[in-house]
């Protein structure tokens, strides 16, 4: 006499499944393994990119100019605000000024080497 295996559940498997189309679980599995990750998509569809021929010094000079413009914009915005919004705008001005100092220091370091 054979003892039934009590560890395995009595389930019937549907072997008529022929296509993952219409099966949400199968589609999620395929998407997980076959679709590119978000970071890969962002790299491929980046709106703005820096020309590979731009030197590090040129990139830092341009970044410095962009930070100067951002600081002026944030400062002007802060002057026209009140309360918490004004404090937040001045926080942005301060962070931009710190980034500007770091970029300028990097440029000064290139000249001193």
N, C-alpha and C. Protein backbone atom coordinates (compact mmCIF):
# COMPACT_ATOMS: atom_id res chain seq x y z
N UNK A 1 0.84 -1.18 0.00
CA UNK A 1 0.00 0.00 0.00
C UNK A 1 0.88 1.24 0.00
N UNK A 2 0.52 2.24 -0.78
CA UNK A 2 1.30 3.47 -0.85
C UNK A 2 0.66 4.53 0.02
N UNK A 3 1.51 5.26 0.70
CA UNK A 3 1.03 6.37 1.52
C UNK A 3 0.96 7.63 0.67
N UNK A 4 -0.13 8.35 0.77
CA UNK A 4 -0.20 9.60 0.01
C UNK A 4 0.78 10.62 0.60
N UNK A 5 1.35 11.43 -0.26
CA UNK A 5 2.28 12.47 0.16
C UNK A 5 1.47 13.66 0.68
N UNK A 6 1.53 13.88 1.99
CA UNK A 6 0.75 14.97 2.59
C UNK A 6 1.46 16.32 2.47
N UNK A 7 2.73 16.32 2.04
CA UNK A 7 3.46 17.58 1.90
C UNK A 7 3.04 18.33 0.64
N UNK A 8 2.70 17.63 -0.40
CA UNK A 8 2.32 18.28 -1.66
C UNK A 8 0.83 18.55 -1.67
N UNK A 9 0.42 19.76 -1.96
CA UNK A 9 -1.01 20.06 -2.01
C UNK A 9 -1.66 19.42 -3.23
N UNK A 10 -2.94 19.17 -3.11
CA UNK A 10 -3.71 18.62 -4.23
C UNK A 10 -4.15 19.77 -5.13
N UNK A 11 -3.27 20.20 -6.00
CA UNK A 11 -3.60 21.28 -6.93
C UNK A 11 -3.49 20.77 -8.34
N UNK A 12 -4.34 21.27 -9.15
CA UNK A 12 -4.31 20.95 -10.57
C UNK A 12 -3.63 22.10 -11.29
N UNK A 13 -2.71 21.79 -12.15
CA UNK A 13 -2.01 22.80 -12.92
C UNK A 13 -2.68 22.94 -14.28
N UNK A 14 -2.86 24.19 -14.67
CA UNK A 14 -3.44 24.49 -15.97
C UNK A 14 -2.34 24.39 -17.01
N UNK A 15 -2.32 23.37 -17.79
CA UNK A 15 -1.29 23.18 -18.81
C UNK A 15 -1.72 23.71 -20.16
N UNK A 16 -2.87 24.34 -20.23
CA UNK A 16 -3.35 24.89 -21.51
C UNK A 16 -2.80 26.29 -21.76
N UNK A 17 -2.08 26.84 -20.81
CA UNK A 17 -1.52 28.18 -20.94
C UNK A 17 -0.50 28.20 -22.08
N UNK A 18 -0.75 28.99 -23.10
CA UNK A 18 0.14 29.01 -24.25
C UNK A 18 0.78 30.37 -24.50
N UNK A 19 0.22 31.43 -23.92
CA UNK A 19 0.74 32.76 -24.19
C UNK A 19 0.66 33.61 -22.93
N UNK A 20 1.68 34.45 -22.68
CA UNK A 20 1.62 35.34 -21.52
C UNK A 20 0.69 36.53 -21.73
N UNK A 21 0.18 36.67 -22.94
CA UNK A 21 -0.70 37.79 -23.25
C UNK A 21 -1.97 37.69 -22.39
N UNK A 22 -2.29 38.74 -21.71
CA UNK A 22 -3.47 38.77 -20.87
C UNK A 22 -3.21 38.29 -19.45
N UNK A 23 -2.02 37.82 -19.15
CA UNK A 23 -1.69 37.35 -17.81
C UNK A 23 -0.84 38.42 -17.14
N UNK A 24 -1.39 39.08 -16.14
CA UNK A 24 -0.71 40.20 -15.50
C UNK A 24 0.60 39.78 -14.85
N UNK A 25 0.61 38.64 -14.19
CA UNK A 25 1.83 38.18 -13.51
C UNK A 25 2.94 37.90 -14.52
N UNK A 26 2.60 37.29 -15.62
CA UNK A 26 3.59 37.00 -16.65
C UNK A 26 4.12 38.30 -17.25
N UNK A 27 3.24 39.27 -17.46
CA UNK A 27 3.66 40.55 -18.03
C UNK A 27 4.60 41.28 -17.09
N UNK A 28 4.30 41.26 -15.78
CA UNK A 28 5.18 41.90 -14.80
C UNK A 28 6.56 41.24 -14.80
N UNK A 29 6.58 39.91 -14.88
CA UNK A 29 7.86 39.19 -14.90
C UNK A 29 8.67 39.54 -16.15
N UNK A 30 8.01 39.59 -17.29
CA UNK A 30 8.70 39.95 -18.52
C UNK A 30 9.21 41.39 -18.46
N UNK A 31 8.38 42.30 -17.94
CA UNK A 31 8.80 43.69 -17.82
C UNK A 31 10.01 43.82 -16.90
N UNK A 32 10.00 43.07 -15.80
CA UNK A 32 11.09 43.14 -14.83
C UNK A 32 12.41 42.71 -15.47
N UNK A 33 12.38 41.64 -16.23
CA UNK A 33 13.61 41.09 -16.77
C UNK A 33 14.01 41.65 -18.13
N UNK A 34 13.07 42.17 -18.90
CA UNK A 34 13.39 42.57 -20.26
C UNK A 34 13.42 44.07 -20.50
N UNK A 35 12.69 44.86 -19.70
CA UNK A 35 12.68 46.30 -19.93
C UNK A 35 13.91 46.93 -19.29
N UNK A 36 14.46 47.98 -19.91
CA UNK A 36 15.63 48.63 -19.32
C UNK A 36 15.25 49.33 -18.02
N UNK A 37 16.21 49.48 -17.14
CA UNK A 37 15.95 50.16 -15.88
C UNK A 37 15.74 51.65 -16.13
N UNK A 38 15.23 52.34 -15.13
CA UNK A 38 14.93 53.77 -15.27
C UNK A 38 16.20 54.55 -15.57
N UNK A 39 17.31 54.21 -14.91
CA UNK A 39 18.54 54.96 -15.14
C UNK A 39 19.02 54.82 -16.58
N UNK A 40 18.86 53.63 -17.17
CA UNK A 40 19.25 53.44 -18.56
C UNK A 40 18.36 54.25 -19.48
N UNK A 41 17.08 54.33 -19.17
CA UNK A 41 16.15 55.10 -19.98
C UNK A 41 16.49 56.58 -19.89
N UNK A 42 16.79 57.07 -18.66
CA UNK A 42 17.14 58.47 -18.49
C UNK A 42 18.37 58.83 -19.30
N UNK A 43 19.36 57.96 -19.34
CA UNK A 43 20.58 58.23 -20.09
C UNK A 43 20.28 58.30 -21.58
N UNK A 44 19.42 57.44 -22.08
CA UNK A 44 19.12 57.40 -23.50
C UNK A 44 18.25 58.57 -23.94
N UNK A 45 17.39 59.08 -23.06
CA UNK A 45 16.44 60.12 -23.44
C UNK A 45 16.73 61.44 -22.75
N UNK A 46 17.98 61.69 -22.40
CA UNK A 46 18.35 62.93 -21.73
C UNK A 46 18.10 64.11 -22.65
N UNK A 47 17.45 65.13 -22.13
CA UNK A 47 17.11 66.31 -22.92
C UNK A 47 18.35 67.17 -23.17
N UNK A 48 19.17 67.30 -22.15
CA UNK A 48 20.36 68.16 -22.25
C UNK A 48 21.59 67.32 -21.95
N UNK A 49 22.60 67.44 -22.76
CA UNK A 49 23.83 66.70 -22.54
C UNK A 49 25.00 67.62 -22.88
N UNK A 50 26.14 67.35 -22.29
CA UNK A 50 27.33 68.15 -22.52
C UNK A 50 28.15 67.50 -23.63
N UNK A 51 28.59 68.30 -24.54
CA UNK A 51 29.44 67.83 -25.63
C UNK A 51 30.69 67.18 -25.04
N UNK A 52 31.04 66.00 -25.53
CA UNK A 52 32.19 65.25 -25.01
C UNK A 52 33.51 65.96 -25.27
N UNK A 53 33.53 66.92 -26.20
CA UNK A 53 34.75 67.64 -26.52
C UNK A 53 35.02 68.83 -25.59
N UNK A 54 34.07 69.13 -24.69
CA UNK A 54 34.25 70.24 -23.76
C UNK A 54 35.21 69.81 -22.66
N UNK A 55 36.23 70.63 -22.43
CA UNK A 55 37.22 70.29 -21.39
C UNK A 55 36.61 70.49 -20.00
N UNK A 56 37.26 69.93 -19.02
CA UNK A 56 36.80 70.07 -17.63
C UNK A 56 36.79 71.54 -17.22
N UNK A 57 37.80 72.27 -17.62
CA UNK A 57 37.86 73.68 -17.26
C UNK A 57 36.72 74.47 -17.91
N UNK A 58 36.46 74.21 -19.19
CA UNK A 58 35.35 74.88 -19.87
C UNK A 58 34.01 74.55 -19.21
N UNK A 59 33.84 73.29 -18.81
CA UNK A 59 32.61 72.88 -18.15
C UNK A 59 32.44 73.58 -16.81
N UNK A 60 33.54 73.71 -16.05
CA UNK A 60 33.48 74.41 -14.77
C UNK A 60 33.19 75.90 -14.95
N UNK A 61 33.78 76.52 -15.97
CA UNK A 61 33.51 77.93 -16.24
C UNK A 61 32.04 78.13 -16.58
N UNK A 62 31.50 77.25 -17.40
CA UNK A 62 30.09 77.36 -17.77
C UNK A 62 29.19 77.11 -16.55
N UNK A 63 29.55 76.12 -15.73
CA UNK A 63 28.78 75.84 -14.51
C UNK A 63 28.82 77.06 -13.58
N UNK A 64 29.95 77.71 -13.50
CA UNK A 64 30.07 78.92 -12.67
C UNK A 64 29.13 80.01 -13.17
N UNK A 65 29.09 80.19 -14.49
CA UNK A 65 28.17 81.19 -15.07
C UNK A 65 26.71 80.83 -14.80
N UNK A 66 26.37 79.55 -14.94
CA UNK A 66 25.00 79.12 -14.67
C UNK A 66 24.62 79.34 -13.20
N UNK A 67 25.55 79.06 -12.30
CA UNK A 67 25.29 79.28 -10.88
C UNK A 67 25.13 80.76 -10.56
N UNK A 68 25.91 81.61 -11.22
CA UNK A 68 25.78 83.05 -11.03
C UNK A 68 24.39 83.52 -11.45
N UNK A 69 23.91 83.02 -12.59
CA UNK A 69 22.57 83.37 -13.07
C UNK A 69 21.48 82.83 -12.13
N UNK A 70 21.67 81.60 -11.66
CA UNK A 70 20.70 81.01 -10.73
C UNK A 70 20.65 81.80 -9.43
N UNK A 71 21.81 82.23 -8.94
CA UNK A 71 21.86 83.02 -7.71
C UNK A 71 21.13 84.35 -7.88
N UNK A 72 21.34 84.99 -9.01
CA UNK A 72 20.67 86.27 -9.27
C UNK A 72 19.15 86.08 -9.34
N UNK A 73 18.71 85.00 -9.98
CA UNK A 73 17.29 84.70 -10.08
C UNK A 73 16.69 84.41 -8.71
N UNK A 74 17.37 83.59 -7.92
CA UNK A 74 16.88 83.25 -6.58
C UNK A 74 16.87 84.48 -5.67
N UNK A 75 17.89 85.32 -5.78
CA UNK A 75 17.95 86.54 -4.97
C UNK A 75 16.79 87.47 -5.31
N UNK A 76 16.52 87.64 -6.60
CA UNK A 76 15.41 88.49 -7.02
C UNK A 76 14.08 87.93 -6.53
N UNK A 77 13.92 86.62 -6.59
CA UNK A 77 12.70 85.98 -6.11
C UNK A 77 12.55 86.18 -4.60
N UNK A 78 13.64 86.02 -3.87
CA UNK A 78 13.60 86.17 -2.41
C UNK A 78 13.22 87.58 -2.02
N UNK A 79 13.68 88.57 -2.77
CA UNK A 79 13.37 89.95 -2.45
C UNK A 79 11.88 90.25 -2.58
N UNK A 80 11.17 89.48 -3.40
CA UNK A 80 9.75 89.72 -3.64
C UNK A 80 8.84 88.82 -2.82
N UNK A 81 9.39 88.03 -1.89
CA UNK A 81 8.60 87.11 -1.09
C UNK A 81 8.60 87.53 0.36
N UNK A 82 7.71 86.87 1.14
CA UNK A 82 7.62 87.14 2.57
C UNK A 82 7.52 85.84 3.33
N UNK A 83 7.87 85.89 4.59
CA UNK A 83 7.67 84.76 5.50
C UNK A 83 8.53 83.55 5.16
N UNK A 84 7.90 82.38 5.26
CA UNK A 84 8.60 81.11 5.06
C UNK A 84 9.12 81.01 3.63
N UNK A 85 8.35 81.44 2.66
CA UNK A 85 8.79 81.38 1.26
C UNK A 85 10.06 82.21 1.04
N UNK A 86 10.14 83.34 1.71
CA UNK A 86 11.34 84.19 1.60
C UNK A 86 12.54 83.46 2.20
N UNK A 87 12.35 82.82 3.34
CA UNK A 87 13.45 82.09 3.98
C UNK A 87 13.91 80.93 3.10
N UNK A 88 12.97 80.24 2.48
CA UNK A 88 13.34 79.14 1.58
C UNK A 88 14.10 79.66 0.36
N UNK A 89 13.67 80.77 -0.17
CA UNK A 89 14.36 81.34 -1.34
C UNK A 89 15.77 81.76 -0.97
N UNK A 90 15.95 82.34 0.23
CA UNK A 90 17.30 82.72 0.65
C UNK A 90 18.15 81.48 0.94
N UNK A 91 17.52 80.38 1.36
CA UNK A 91 18.25 79.12 1.52
C UNK A 91 18.79 78.65 0.19
N UNK A 92 17.99 78.79 -0.86
CA UNK A 92 18.44 78.42 -2.21
C UNK A 92 19.60 79.32 -2.63
N UNK A 93 19.50 80.61 -2.34
CA UNK A 93 20.59 81.53 -2.67
C UNK A 93 21.87 81.07 -1.97
N UNK A 94 21.76 80.70 -0.69
CA UNK A 94 22.92 80.27 0.07
C UNK A 94 23.54 78.99 -0.51
N UNK A 95 22.70 78.01 -0.88
CA UNK A 95 23.22 76.77 -1.46
C UNK A 95 23.90 77.03 -2.80
N UNK A 96 23.32 77.91 -3.60
CA UNK A 96 23.92 78.26 -4.88
C UNK A 96 25.27 78.94 -4.66
N UNK A 97 25.33 79.83 -3.66
CA UNK A 97 26.60 80.49 -3.35
C UNK A 97 27.67 79.49 -2.93
N UNK A 98 27.28 78.47 -2.15
CA UNK A 98 28.25 77.45 -1.74
C UNK A 98 28.73 76.65 -2.95
N UNK A 99 27.80 76.28 -3.83
CA UNK A 99 28.19 75.55 -5.04
C UNK A 99 29.09 76.41 -5.91
N UNK A 100 28.78 77.69 -5.98
CA UNK A 100 29.60 78.63 -6.76
C UNK A 100 31.02 78.68 -6.20
N UNK A 101 31.14 78.72 -4.88
CA UNK A 101 32.47 78.76 -4.25
C UNK A 101 33.25 77.48 -4.55
N UNK A 102 32.57 76.34 -4.55
CA UNK A 102 33.25 75.07 -4.85
C UNK A 102 33.74 75.04 -6.31
N UNK A 103 32.91 75.50 -7.22
CA UNK A 103 33.31 75.53 -8.63
C UNK A 103 34.46 76.50 -8.82
N UNK A 104 34.36 77.69 -8.21
CA UNK A 104 35.44 78.67 -8.34
C UNK A 104 36.74 78.13 -7.75
N UNK A 105 36.64 77.42 -6.63
CA UNK A 105 37.84 76.83 -6.02
C UNK A 105 38.44 75.78 -6.95
N UNK A 106 37.60 75.01 -7.60
CA UNK A 106 38.10 74.01 -8.56
C UNK A 106 38.85 74.68 -9.70
N UNK A 107 38.32 75.79 -10.18
CA UNK A 107 38.97 76.53 -11.25
C UNK A 107 40.29 77.13 -10.78
N UNK A 108 40.30 77.67 -9.54
CA UNK A 108 41.54 78.22 -8.98
C UNK A 108 42.58 77.13 -8.81
N UNK A 109 42.15 75.93 -8.41
CA UNK A 109 43.07 74.81 -8.23
C UNK A 109 43.70 74.39 -9.53
N UNK A 110 42.94 74.44 -10.63
CA UNK A 110 43.48 74.10 -11.96
C UNK A 110 44.56 75.09 -12.37
N UNK A 111 44.41 76.36 -12.00
CA UNK A 111 45.37 77.38 -12.38
C UNK A 111 46.64 77.29 -11.52
N UNK A 112 46.51 76.82 -10.28
CA UNK A 112 47.64 76.76 -9.37
C UNK A 112 48.50 75.52 -9.60
N UNK A 113 47.98 74.51 -10.31
CA UNK A 113 48.73 73.28 -10.53
C UNK A 113 49.80 73.42 -11.56
